[in-house]
C-alpha atoms as a PDB file:
ATOM      1  CA  UNK A   1     111.191  75.309 307.185  1.00  0.00           C
ATOM      2  CA  UNK A   2     112.601  74.594 310.786  1.00  0.00           C
ATOM      3  CA  UNK A   3     111.346  76.112 314.025  1.00  0.00           C
ATOM      4  CA  UNK A   4     114.214  78.861 314.097  1.00  0.00           C
ATOM      5  CA  UNK A   5     113.418  80.021 310.577  1.00  0.00           C
ATOM      6  CA  UNK A   6     109.700  80.143 311.386  1.00  0.00           C
ATOM      7  CA  UNK A   7     110.418  82.328 314.325  1.00  0.00           C
ATOM      8  CA  UNK A   8     112.567  84.581 312.213  1.00  0.00           C
ATOM      9  CA  UNK A   9     109.707  85.280 309.896  1.00  0.00           C
ATOM     10  CA  UNK A  10     107.144  85.616 312.681  1.00  0.00           C
ATOM     11  CA  UNK A  11     109.302  88.229 314.202  1.00  0.00           C
ATOM     12  CA  UNK A  12     109.668  90.042 310.879  1.00  0.00           C
ATOM     13  CA  UNK A  13     105.674  90.008 310.356  1.00  0.00           C
ATOM     14  CA  UNK A  14     105.346  92.018 313.535  1.00  0.00           C
ATOM     15  CA  UNK A  15     101.747  90.584 314.265  1.00  0.00           C
ATOM     16  CA  UNK A  16     102.241  89.664 317.739  1.00  0.00           C
ATOM     17  CA  UNK A  17     101.792  91.996 320.929  1.00  0.00           C
ATOM     18  CA  UNK A  18     104.493  90.485 322.712  1.00  0.00           C
ATOM     19  CA  UNK A  19     107.800  88.978 322.192  1.00  0.00           C
ATOM     20  CA  UNK A  20     108.239  86.246 319.704  1.00  0.00           C
ATOM     21  CA  UNK A  21     110.262  83.934 322.155  1.00  0.00           C
ATOM     22  CA  UNK A  22     107.122  83.834 324.185  1.00  0.00           C
ATOM     23  CA  UNK A  23     104.954  82.351 321.235  1.00  0.00           C
ATOM     24  CA  UNK A  24     104.432  78.504 321.531  1.00  0.00           C
ATOM     25  CA  UNK A  25     104.650  76.500 318.681  1.00  0.00           C
ATOM     26  CA  UNK A  26     101.619  74.112 318.358  1.00  0.00           C
ATOM     27  CA  UNK A  27     102.649  72.469 315.076  1.00  0.00           C
ATOM     28  CA  UNK A  28     105.366  72.421 312.276  1.00  0.00           C
ATOM     29  CA  UNK A  29     104.449  71.117 308.805  1.00  0.00           C
ATOM     30  CA  UNK A  30     103.531  73.114 305.763  1.00  0.00           C
ATOM     31  CA  UNK A  31     102.721  75.851 308.127  1.00  0.00           C
ATOM     32  CA  UNK A  32     104.429  76.595 311.579  1.00  0.00           C
ATOM     33  CA  UNK A  33     101.633  77.522 313.787  1.00  0.00           C
ATOM     34  CA  UNK A  34     102.276  79.421 316.756  1.00  0.00           C
ATOM     35  CA  UNK A  35      99.993  80.754 319.913  1.00  0.00           C
ATOM     36  CA  UNK A  36     100.444  83.906 321.480  1.00  0.00           C
ATOM     37  CA  UNK A  37      97.955  85.507 323.896  1.00  0.00           C
ATOM     38  CA  UNK A  38      94.643  85.425 322.117  1.00  0.00           C
ATOM     39  CA  UNK A  39      96.173  85.200 318.706  1.00  0.00           C
ATOM     40  CA  UNK A  40      97.285  82.175 316.332  1.00  0.00           C
ATOM     41  CA  UNK A  41      99.678  82.850 313.676  1.00  0.00           C
ATOM     42  CA  UNK A  42     100.346  80.632 310.677  1.00  0.00           C
ATOM     43  CA  UNK A  43     103.653  80.761 308.787  1.00  0.00           C
ATOM     44  CA  UNK A  44     103.578  78.938 305.811  1.00  0.00           C
ATOM     45  CA  UNK A  45     106.697  77.008 304.293  1.00  0.00           C
ATOM     46  CA  UNK A  46     107.234  78.972 301.180  1.00  0.00           C
ATOM     47  CA  UNK A  47     105.488  81.643 298.857  1.00  0.00           C
ATOM     48  CA  UNK A  48     103.972  78.877 296.803  1.00  0.00           C
ATOM     49  CA  UNK A  49     101.360  78.643 299.737  1.00  0.00           C
ATOM     50  CA  UNK A  50     100.208  82.355 299.314  1.00  0.00           C
ATOM     51  CA  UNK A  51      97.309  81.967 297.279  1.00  0.00           C
ATOM     52  CA  UNK A  52      96.018  79.068 299.466  1.00  0.00           C
ATOM     53  CA  UNK A  53      96.597  81.328 302.601  1.00  0.00           C
ATOM     54  CA  UNK A  54      94.603  84.002 300.979  1.00  0.00           C
ATOM     55  CA  UNK A  55      91.401  81.740 300.226  1.00  0.00           C
ATOM     56  CA  UNK A  56      91.581  80.116 303.674  1.00  0.00           C
ATOM     57  CA  UNK A  57      90.818  83.628 305.013  1.00  0.00           C
ATOM     58  CA  UNK A  58      87.974  83.998 302.384  1.00  0.00           C
ATOM     59  CA  UNK A  59      86.648  80.664 303.322  1.00  0.00           C
ATOM     60  CA  UNK A  60      86.873  81.894 307.061  1.00  0.00           C
ATOM     61  CA  UNK A  61      84.745  84.819 306.325  1.00  0.00           C
ATOM     62  CA  UNK A  62      82.194  82.917 304.086  1.00  0.00           C
ATOM     63  CA  UNK A  63      81.622  80.277 306.773  1.00  0.00           C
ATOM     64  CA  UNK A  64      81.132  82.980 309.501  1.00  0.00           C
ATOM     65  CA  UNK A  65      78.623  84.574 307.413  1.00  0.00           C
ATOM     66  CA  UNK A  66      76.807  81.231 306.821  1.00  0.00           C
ATOM     67  CA  UNK A  67      76.741  80.487 310.492  1.00  0.00           C
ATOM     68  CA  UNK A  68      78.895  77.368 310.290  1.00  0.00           C
ATOM     69  CA  UNK A  69      80.986  76.935 313.307  1.00  0.00           C
ATOM     70  CA  UNK A  70      84.894  77.750 312.203  1.00  0.00           C
ATOM     71  CA  UNK A  71      87.832  79.460 313.368  1.00  0.00           C
ATOM     72  CA  UNK A  72      87.674  83.025 312.552  1.00  0.00           C
ATOM     73  CA  UNK A  73      90.579  85.424 311.162  1.00  0.00           C
ATOM     74  CA  UNK A  74      91.877  88.038 313.232  1.00  0.00           C
ATOM     75  CA  UNK A  75      93.309  89.966 310.086  1.00  0.00           C
ATOM     76  CA  UNK A  76      91.616  90.319 306.678  1.00  0.00           C
ATOM     77  CA  UNK A  77      94.778  89.910 304.742  1.00  0.00           C
ATOM     78  CA  UNK A  78      97.840  87.339 304.365  1.00  0.00           C
ATOM     79  CA  UNK A  79     101.058  89.026 304.591  1.00  0.00           C
ATOM     80  CA  UNK A  80     104.367  87.996 302.357  1.00  0.00           C
ATOM     81  CA  UNK A  81     107.285  88.153 304.943  1.00  0.00           C
ATOM     82  CA  UNK A  82     110.705  86.951 303.643  1.00  0.00           C
ATOM     83  CA  UNK A  83     108.918  84.771 301.107  1.00  0.00           C
ATOM     84  CA  UNK A  84     106.428  83.082 303.565  1.00  0.00           C
ATOM     85  CA  UNK A  85     102.741  83.681 303.783  1.00  0.00           C
ATOM     86  CA  UNK A  86     101.559  84.717 307.263  1.00  0.00           C
ATOM     87  CA  UNK A  87      98.099  84.854 308.459  1.00  0.00           C
ATOM     88  CA  UNK A  88      96.704  85.779 311.926  1.00  0.00           C
ATOM     89  CA  UNK A  89      93.651  83.920 313.612  1.00  0.00           C
ATOM     90  CA  UNK A  90      91.509  84.373 316.828  1.00  0.00           C
ATOM     91  CA  UNK A  91      92.719  81.862 319.271  1.00  0.00           C
ATOM     92  CA  UNK A  92      90.121  79.213 320.294  1.00  0.00           C
ATOM     93  CA  UNK A  93      89.117  78.712 323.971  1.00  0.00           C
ATOM     94  CA  UNK A  94      90.748  75.625 325.441  1.00  0.00           C
ATOM     95  CA  UNK A  95      89.157  72.148 324.281  1.00  0.00           C
ATOM     96  CA  UNK A  96      86.761  70.867 326.920  1.00  0.00           C
ATOM     97  CA  UNK A  97      87.374  67.167 325.256  1.00  0.00           C
ATOM     98  CA  UNK A  98      88.710  65.635 322.227  1.00  0.00           C
ATOM     99  CA  UNK A  99      86.901  65.753 318.817  1.00  0.00           C
ATOM    100  CA  UNK A 100      85.032  62.841 317.927  1.00  0.00           C
ATOM    101  CA  UNK A 101      84.183  61.184 314.590  1.00  0.00           C
ATOM    102  CA  UNK A 102      80.380  62.187 315.410  1.00  0.00           C
ATOM    103  CA  UNK A 103      81.553  65.856 315.964  1.00  0.00           C
ATOM    104  CA  UNK A 104      83.312  65.730 312.401  1.00  0.00           C
ATOM    105  CA  UNK A 105      80.154  64.156 310.687  1.00  0.00           C
ATOM    106  CA  UNK A 106      77.916  66.914 311.985  1.00  0.00           C
ATOM    107  CA  UNK A 107      79.970  69.710 310.822  1.00  0.00           C
ATOM    108  CA  UNK A 108      80.307  68.008 307.330  1.00  0.00           C
ATOM    109  CA  UNK A 109      76.628  67.789 306.997  1.00  0.00           C
ATOM    110  CA  UNK A 110      76.459  71.648 307.624  1.00  0.00           C
ATOM    111  CA  UNK A 111      79.209  72.472 304.997  1.00  0.00           C
ATOM    112  CA  UNK A 112      77.697  69.833 302.400  1.00  0.00           C
ATOM    113  CA  UNK A 113      74.305  71.799 302.521  1.00  0.00           C
ATOM    114  CA  UNK A 114      75.940  74.841 301.566  1.00  0.00           C
ATOM    115  CA  UNK A 115      75.723  76.394 298.177  1.00  0.00           C
ATOM    116  CA  UNK A 116      78.619  77.790 296.446  1.00  0.00           C
ATOM    117  CA  UNK A 117      80.242  80.928 297.839  1.00  0.00           C
ATOM    118  CA  UNK A 118      80.660  84.228 295.918  1.00  0.00           C
ATOM    119  CA  UNK A 119      84.188  83.675 295.202  1.00  0.00           C
ATOM    120  CA  UNK A 120      85.562  80.785 293.412  1.00  0.00           C
ATOM    121  CA  UNK A 121      86.734  77.585 295.292  1.00  0.00           C
ATOM    122  CA  UNK A 122      89.080  75.533 293.205  1.00  0.00           C
ATOM    123  CA  UNK A 123      88.491  71.799 292.764  1.00  0.00           C
ATOM    124  CA  UNK A 124      90.190  69.668 295.160  1.00  0.00           C
ATOM    125  CA  UNK A 125      93.509  69.135 294.077  1.00  0.00           C
ATOM    126  CA  UNK A 126      94.241  66.215 296.205  1.00  0.00           C
ATOM    127  CA  UNK A 127      97.221  65.235 293.986  1.00  0.00           C
ATOM    128  CA  UNK A 128      98.225  68.866 293.164  1.00  0.00           C
ATOM    129  CA  UNK A 129     100.998  68.746 295.703  1.00  0.00           C
ATOM    130  CA  UNK A 130     102.726  65.514 294.722  1.00  0.00           C
ATOM    131  CA  UNK A 131     105.279  67.104 292.367  1.00  0.00           C
ATOM    132  CA  UNK A 132     106.255  69.841 294.905  1.00  0.00           C
ATOM    133  CA  UNK A 133     106.491  67.243 298.063  1.00  0.00           C
ATOM    134  CA  UNK A 134     108.759  64.908 295.536  1.00  0.00           C
ATOM    135  CA  UNK A 135     110.877  67.884 294.800  1.00  0.00           C
ATOM    136  CA  UNK A 136     111.361  68.863 298.403  1.00  0.00           C
ATOM    137  CA  UNK A 137     112.245  65.129 299.080  1.00  0.00           C
ATOM    138  CA  UNK A 138     115.020  65.266 296.688  1.00  0.00           C
ATOM    139  CA  UNK A 139     117.763  62.682 297.001  1.00  0.00           C
ATOM    140  CA  UNK A 140     116.515  61.567 300.210  1.00  0.00           C
ATOM    141  CA  UNK A 141     114.253  59.176 298.307  1.00  0.00           C
ATOM    142  CA  UNK A 142     114.920  56.731 295.374  1.00  0.00           C
ATOM    143  CA  UNK A 143     114.500  58.119 291.712  1.00  0.00           C
ATOM    144  CA  UNK A 144     112.449  54.910 291.415  1.00  0.00           C
ATOM    145  CA  UNK A 145     110.070  55.602 294.229  1.00  0.00           C
ATOM    146  CA  UNK A 146     109.624  59.096 292.984  1.00  0.00           C
ATOM    147  CA  UNK A 147     108.855  57.754 289.453  1.00  0.00           C
ATOM    148  CA  UNK A 148     106.374  55.263 290.789  1.00  0.00           C
ATOM    149  CA  UNK A 149     104.563  57.888 292.770  1.00  0.00           C
ATOM    150  CA  UNK A 150     104.154  60.048 289.915  1.00  0.00           C
ATOM    151  CA  UNK A 151     102.783  57.151 287.633  1.00  0.00           C
ATOM    152  CA  UNK A 152     100.113  56.424 290.361  1.00  0.00           C
ATOM    153  CA  UNK A 153      99.439  60.098 290.464  1.00  0.00           C
ATOM    154  CA  UNK A 154      98.854  60.272 286.913  1.00  0.00           C
ATOM    155  CA  UNK A 155      96.643  57.328 286.853  1.00  0.00           C
ATOM    156  CA  UNK A 156      94.398  58.193 289.570  1.00  0.00           C
ATOM    157  CA  UNK A 157      93.922  61.736 288.340  1.00  0.00           C
ATOM    158  CA  UNK A 158      92.665  60.291 285.139  1.00  0.00           C
ATOM    159  CA  UNK A 159      90.516  57.638 287.053  1.00  0.00           C
ATOM    160  CA  UNK A 160      89.087  60.329 289.147  1.00  0.00           C
ATOM    161  CA  UNK A 161      88.009  62.349 286.464  1.00  0.00           C
ATOM    162  CA  UNK A 162      85.762  59.637 285.332  1.00  0.00           C
ATOM    163  CA  UNK A 163      83.757  59.146 288.469  1.00  0.00           C
ATOM    164  CA  UNK A 164      80.023  59.529 288.773  1.00  0.00           C
ATOM    165  CA  UNK A 165      79.429  61.008 292.211  1.00  0.00           C
ATOM    166  CA  UNK A 166      76.494  59.826 294.478  1.00  0.00           C
ATOM    167  CA  UNK A 167      76.188  63.065 296.194  1.00  0.00           C
ATOM    168  CA  UNK A 168      75.716  66.513 294.759  1.00  0.00           C
ATOM    169  CA  UNK A 169      79.217  68.086 294.051  1.00  0.00           C
ATOM    170  CA  UNK A 170      79.870  71.488 295.968  1.00  0.00           C
ATOM    171  CA  UNK A 171      81.858  72.956 298.918  1.00  0.00           C
ATOM    172  CA  UNK A 172      84.041  70.671 300.869  1.00  0.00           C
ATOM    173  CA  UNK A 173      86.390  70.785 303.817  1.00  0.00           C
ATOM    174  CA  UNK A 174      89.134  68.689 301.954  1.00  0.00           C
ATOM    175  CA  UNK A 175      90.833  67.216 304.968  1.00  0.00           C
ATOM    176  CA  UNK A 176      88.030  65.891 307.103  1.00  0.00           C
ATOM    177  CA  UNK A 177      89.552  64.304 310.147  1.00  0.00           C
ATOM    178  CA  UNK A 178      88.475  64.560 313.851  1.00  0.00           C
ATOM    179  CA  UNK A 179      92.008  66.506 314.492  1.00  0.00           C
ATOM    180  CA  UNK A 180      90.631  69.337 312.353  1.00  0.00           C
ATOM    181  CA  UNK A 181      87.561  69.695 314.743  1.00  0.00           C
ATOM    182  CA  UNK A 182      88.232  71.867 318.009  1.00  0.00           C
ATOM    183  CA  UNK A 183      85.505  71.126 320.566  1.00  0.00           C
ATOM    184  CA  UNK A 184      85.463  74.127 322.954  1.00  0.00           C
ATOM    185  CA  UNK A 185      82.573  75.475 325.325  1.00  0.00           C
ATOM    186  CA  UNK A 186      80.472  76.187 322.697  1.00  0.00           C
ATOM    187  CA  UNK A 187      80.689  72.964 320.980  1.00  0.00           C
ATOM    188  CA  UNK A 188      82.628  71.814 317.862  1.00  0.00           C
ATOM    189  CA  UNK A 189      84.199  73.997 315.561  1.00  0.00           C
ATOM    190  CA  UNK A 190      86.059  73.569 312.277  1.00  0.00           C
ATOM    191  CA  UNK A 191      89.775  74.414 311.702  1.00  0.00           C
ATOM    192  CA  UNK A 192      92.295  74.202 309.224  1.00  0.00           C
ATOM    193  CA  UNK A 193      90.146  75.747 306.131  1.00  0.00           C
ATOM    194  CA  UNK A 194      93.064  75.879 303.675  1.00  0.00           C
ATOM    195  CA  UNK A 195      91.825  72.692 301.786  1.00  0.00           C
ATOM    196  CA  UNK A 196      88.387  73.840 301.201  1.00  0.00           C
ATOM    197  CA  UNK A 197      87.335  73.463 297.671  1.00  0.00           C
ATOM    198  CA  UNK A 198      84.476  72.548 295.423  1.00  0.00           C
ATOM    199  CA  UNK A 199      84.484  69.020 294.293  1.00  0.00           C
ATOM    200  CA  UNK A 200      82.819  65.801 295.031  1.00  0.00           C
ATOM    201  CA  UNK A 201      81.447  65.508 298.478  1.00  0.00           C
ATOM    202  CA  UNK A 202      82.587  61.990 298.505  1.00  0.00           C
ATOM    203  CA  UNK A 203      86.358  63.288 299.164  1.00  0.00           C
ATOM    204  CA  UNK A 204      85.294  64.314 302.714  1.00  0.00           C
ATOM    205  CA  UNK A 205      84.226  60.898 303.658  1.00  0.00           C
ATOM    206  CA  UNK A 206      86.860  58.777 302.088  1.00  0.00           C
ATOM    207  CA  UNK A 207      89.346  60.431 304.670  1.00  0.00           C
ATOM    208  CA  UNK A 208      87.562  58.519 307.624  1.00  0.00           C
ATOM    209  CA  UNK A 209      87.050  55.140 305.516  1.00  0.00           C
ATOM    210  CA  UNK A 210      90.815  55.274 304.689  1.00  0.00           C
ATOM    211  CA  UNK A 211      91.608  56.078 308.442  1.00  0.00           C
ATOM    212  CA  UNK A 212      89.672  52.759 309.207  1.00  0.00           C
ATOM    213  CA  UNK A 213      92.123  50.851 306.992  1.00  0.00           C
ATOM    214  CA  UNK A 214      95.375  52.594 307.305  1.00  0.00           C
ATOM    215  CA  UNK A 215      95.641  54.460 310.664  1.00  0.00           C
ATOM    216  CA  UNK A 216      93.979  52.378 313.302  1.00  0.00           C
ATOM    217  CA  UNK A 217      90.696  54.230 313.615  1.00  0.00           C
ATOM    218  CA  UNK A 218      88.418  51.484 315.613  1.00  0.00           C
ATOM    219  CA  UNK A 219      85.557  50.235 313.689  1.00  0.00           C
ATOM    220  CA  UNK A 220      83.102  51.624 316.273  1.00  0.00           C
ATOM    221  CA  UNK A 221      84.617  55.005 315.551  1.00  0.00           C
ATOM    222  CA  UNK A 222      84.048  54.785 311.774  1.00  0.00           C
ATOM    223  CA  UNK A 223      80.517  53.564 312.505  1.00  0.00           C
ATOM    224  CA  UNK A 224      79.724  56.559 314.726  1.00  0.00           C
ATOM    225  CA  UNK A 225      81.076  58.802 311.702  1.00  0.00           C
ATOM    226  CA  UNK A 226      78.666  56.925 309.321  1.00  0.00           C
ATOM    227  CA  UNK A 227      75.533  57.151 311.562  1.00  0.00           C
ATOM    228  CA  UNK A 228      76.434  60.930 312.300  1.00  0.00           C
ATOM    229  CA  UNK A 229      76.654  61.809 308.522  1.00  0.00           C
ATOM    230  CA  UNK A 230      73.886  59.308 307.253  1.00  0.00           C
ATOM    231  CA  UNK A 231      75.860  57.280 304.496  1.00  0.00           C
ATOM    232  CA  UNK A 232      78.780  55.098 304.285  1.00  0.00           C
ATOM    233  CA  UNK A 233      80.990  56.018 301.267  1.00  0.00           C
ATOM    234  CA  UNK A 234      82.184  52.500 300.844  1.00  0.00           C
ATOM    235  CA  UNK A 235      78.876  51.865 299.588  1.00  0.00           C
ATOM    236  CA  UNK A 236      79.792  53.936 296.555  1.00  0.00           C
ATOM    237  CA  UNK A 237      81.814  51.945 293.959  1.00  0.00           C
ATOM    238  CA  UNK A 238      84.001  55.237 293.130  1.00  0.00           C
ATOM    239  CA  UNK A 239      85.538  55.283 296.803  1.00  0.00           C
ATOM    240  CA  UNK A 240      88.680  53.271 296.016  1.00  0.00           C
ATOM    241  CA  UNK A 241      89.746  55.429 293.212  1.00  0.00           C
ATOM    242  CA  UNK A 242      89.511  58.525 295.617  1.00  0.00           C
ATOM    243  CA  UNK A 243      91.172  56.183 298.496  1.00  0.00           C
ATOM    244  CA  UNK A 244      94.174  55.470 296.047  1.00  0.00           C
ATOM    245  CA  UNK A 245      94.589  59.114 295.155  1.00  0.00           C
ATOM    246  CA  UNK A 246      94.497  59.924 298.720  1.00  0.00           C
ATOM    247  CA  UNK A 247      97.223  57.494 299.596  1.00  0.00           C
ATOM    248  CA  UNK A 248      99.257  58.511 296.714  1.00  0.00           C
ATOM    249  CA  UNK A 249      99.249  62.043 298.206  1.00  0.00           C
ATOM    250  CA  UNK A 250      99.833  60.978 301.738  1.00  0.00           C
ATOM    251  CA  UNK A 251     102.902  59.151 300.840  1.00  0.00           C
ATOM    252  CA  UNK A 252     104.537  61.753 298.805  1.00  0.00           C
ATOM    253  CA  UNK A 253     103.426  64.442 301.703  1.00  0.00           C
ATOM    254  CA  UNK A 254     105.771  62.507 304.043  1.00  0.00           C
ATOM    255  CA  UNK A 255     108.479  62.291 301.671  1.00  0.00           C
ATOM    256  CA  UNK A 256     109.114  66.185 301.903  1.00  0.00           C
ATOM    257  CA  UNK A 257     110.012  65.609 305.320  1.00  0.00           C
ATOM    258  CA  UNK A 258     112.969  62.903 304.644  1.00  0.00           C
ATOM    259  CA  UNK A 259     115.814  65.016 303.959  1.00  0.00           C
ATOM    260  CA  UNK A 260     115.770  66.365 307.556  1.00  0.00           C
ATOM    261  CA  UNK A 261     113.800  63.787 309.736  1.00  0.00           C
ATOM    262  CA  UNK A 262     114.701  59.976 309.723  1.00  0.00           C
ATOM    263  CA  UNK A 263     111.359  59.214 311.225  1.00  0.00           C
ATOM    264  CA  UNK A 264     109.738  60.433 308.039  1.00  0.00           C
ATOM    265  CA  UNK A 265     111.989  58.467 305.936  1.00  0.00           C
ATOM    266  CA  UNK A 266     111.015  55.475 307.598  1.00  0.00           C
ATOM    267  CA  UNK A 267     107.380  56.272 307.404  1.00  0.00           C
ATOM    268  CA  UNK A 268     107.824  56.993 303.690  1.00  0.00           C
ATOM    269  CA  UNK A 269     109.412  53.465 303.193  1.00  0.00           C
ATOM    270  CA  UNK A 270     106.677  52.047 305.037  1.00  0.00           C
ATOM    271  CA  UNK A 271     103.809  53.756 302.880  1.00  0.00           C
ATOM    272  CA  UNK A 272     105.660  53.559 299.507  1.00  0.00           C
ATOM    273  CA  UNK A 273     106.367  49.797 299.985  1.00  0.00           C
ATOM    274  CA  UNK A 274     102.782  48.804 300.928  1.00  0.00           C
ATOM    275  CA  UNK A 275     101.633  50.755 297.839  1.00  0.00           C
ATOM    276  CA  UNK A 276     104.033  48.775 295.659  1.00  0.00           C
ATOM    277  CA  UNK A 277     102.648  45.440 297.310  1.00  0.00           C
ATOM    278  CA  UNK A 278      99.188  46.260 296.867  1.00  0.00           C
ATOM    279  CA  UNK A 279      98.797  45.700 300.684  1.00  0.00           C
ATOM    280  CA  UNK A 280      95.987  47.651 301.905  1.00  0.00           C
ATOM    281  CA  UNK A 281      96.246  46.342 305.558  1.00  0.00           C
ATOM    282  CA  UNK A 282      99.633  47.715 306.239  1.00  0.00           C
ATOM    283  CA  UNK A 283      99.293  50.055 309.241  1.00  0.00           C
ATOM    284  CA  UNK A 284     100.219  53.752 308.509  1.00  0.00           C
ATOM    285  CA  UNK A 285     101.301  56.211 311.155  1.00  0.00           C
ATOM    286  CA  UNK A 286     100.458  59.923 311.482  1.00  0.00           C
ATOM    287  CA  UNK A 287     103.409  62.225 310.923  1.00  0.00           C
END
């Protein structure tokens, strides 16, 4: 889905008070995210994301009731427009500063104290999207690389199922990075709730530990995160399994963009080569 297609779907949804051409594109990935006036609208890549969009709305309502600072829905239901899920959100005030690892840690501590909601949260299907992403990648990546990632997926899925957690399992954010925190006039707020699930709390902590190794997060920033949360997941003997699973998923996620974006293909090759070589120090770049 490119921007033009996403704008066509946005027009068909009829959820904006003004012309679609005036909506500003904020992000383009599995969702195209547009801002217009006091609203933000998310247009999903395809109909397979409809259930996830519906769950995100449920999660937003639940977090509001629990008093957790998070983005709020402006419409209670997800629409399916021309095969694309569409959800509408209240636009957050402009950020007063960038989010820090400490901001993220504080919000995770809140989420990790919550009991299960009244509706069922799925397990964290960290590897669940791998097949779809590889299918979208098609012939842009080699059959050997696709087979290698499927083999890694299967191996880490088995290993993750055998882990003994240190923390009490329960609701997690699922993509716990400072980029998913918005700091407005009233403080830090969680955004991007579509990966909320119920699983090992360690999933939320491995993300920053991986970022330290792969994405250039400074050691001081990671230490701030650990202090804010109160525990370093690297002290748990299962963290490398979750790390490996997340690396596999992250590599396959980039692959889906390879058919239309040369930069994505370059990043995919960097990632898959480092995995094949067993080199955990190769720098990856956000995409």
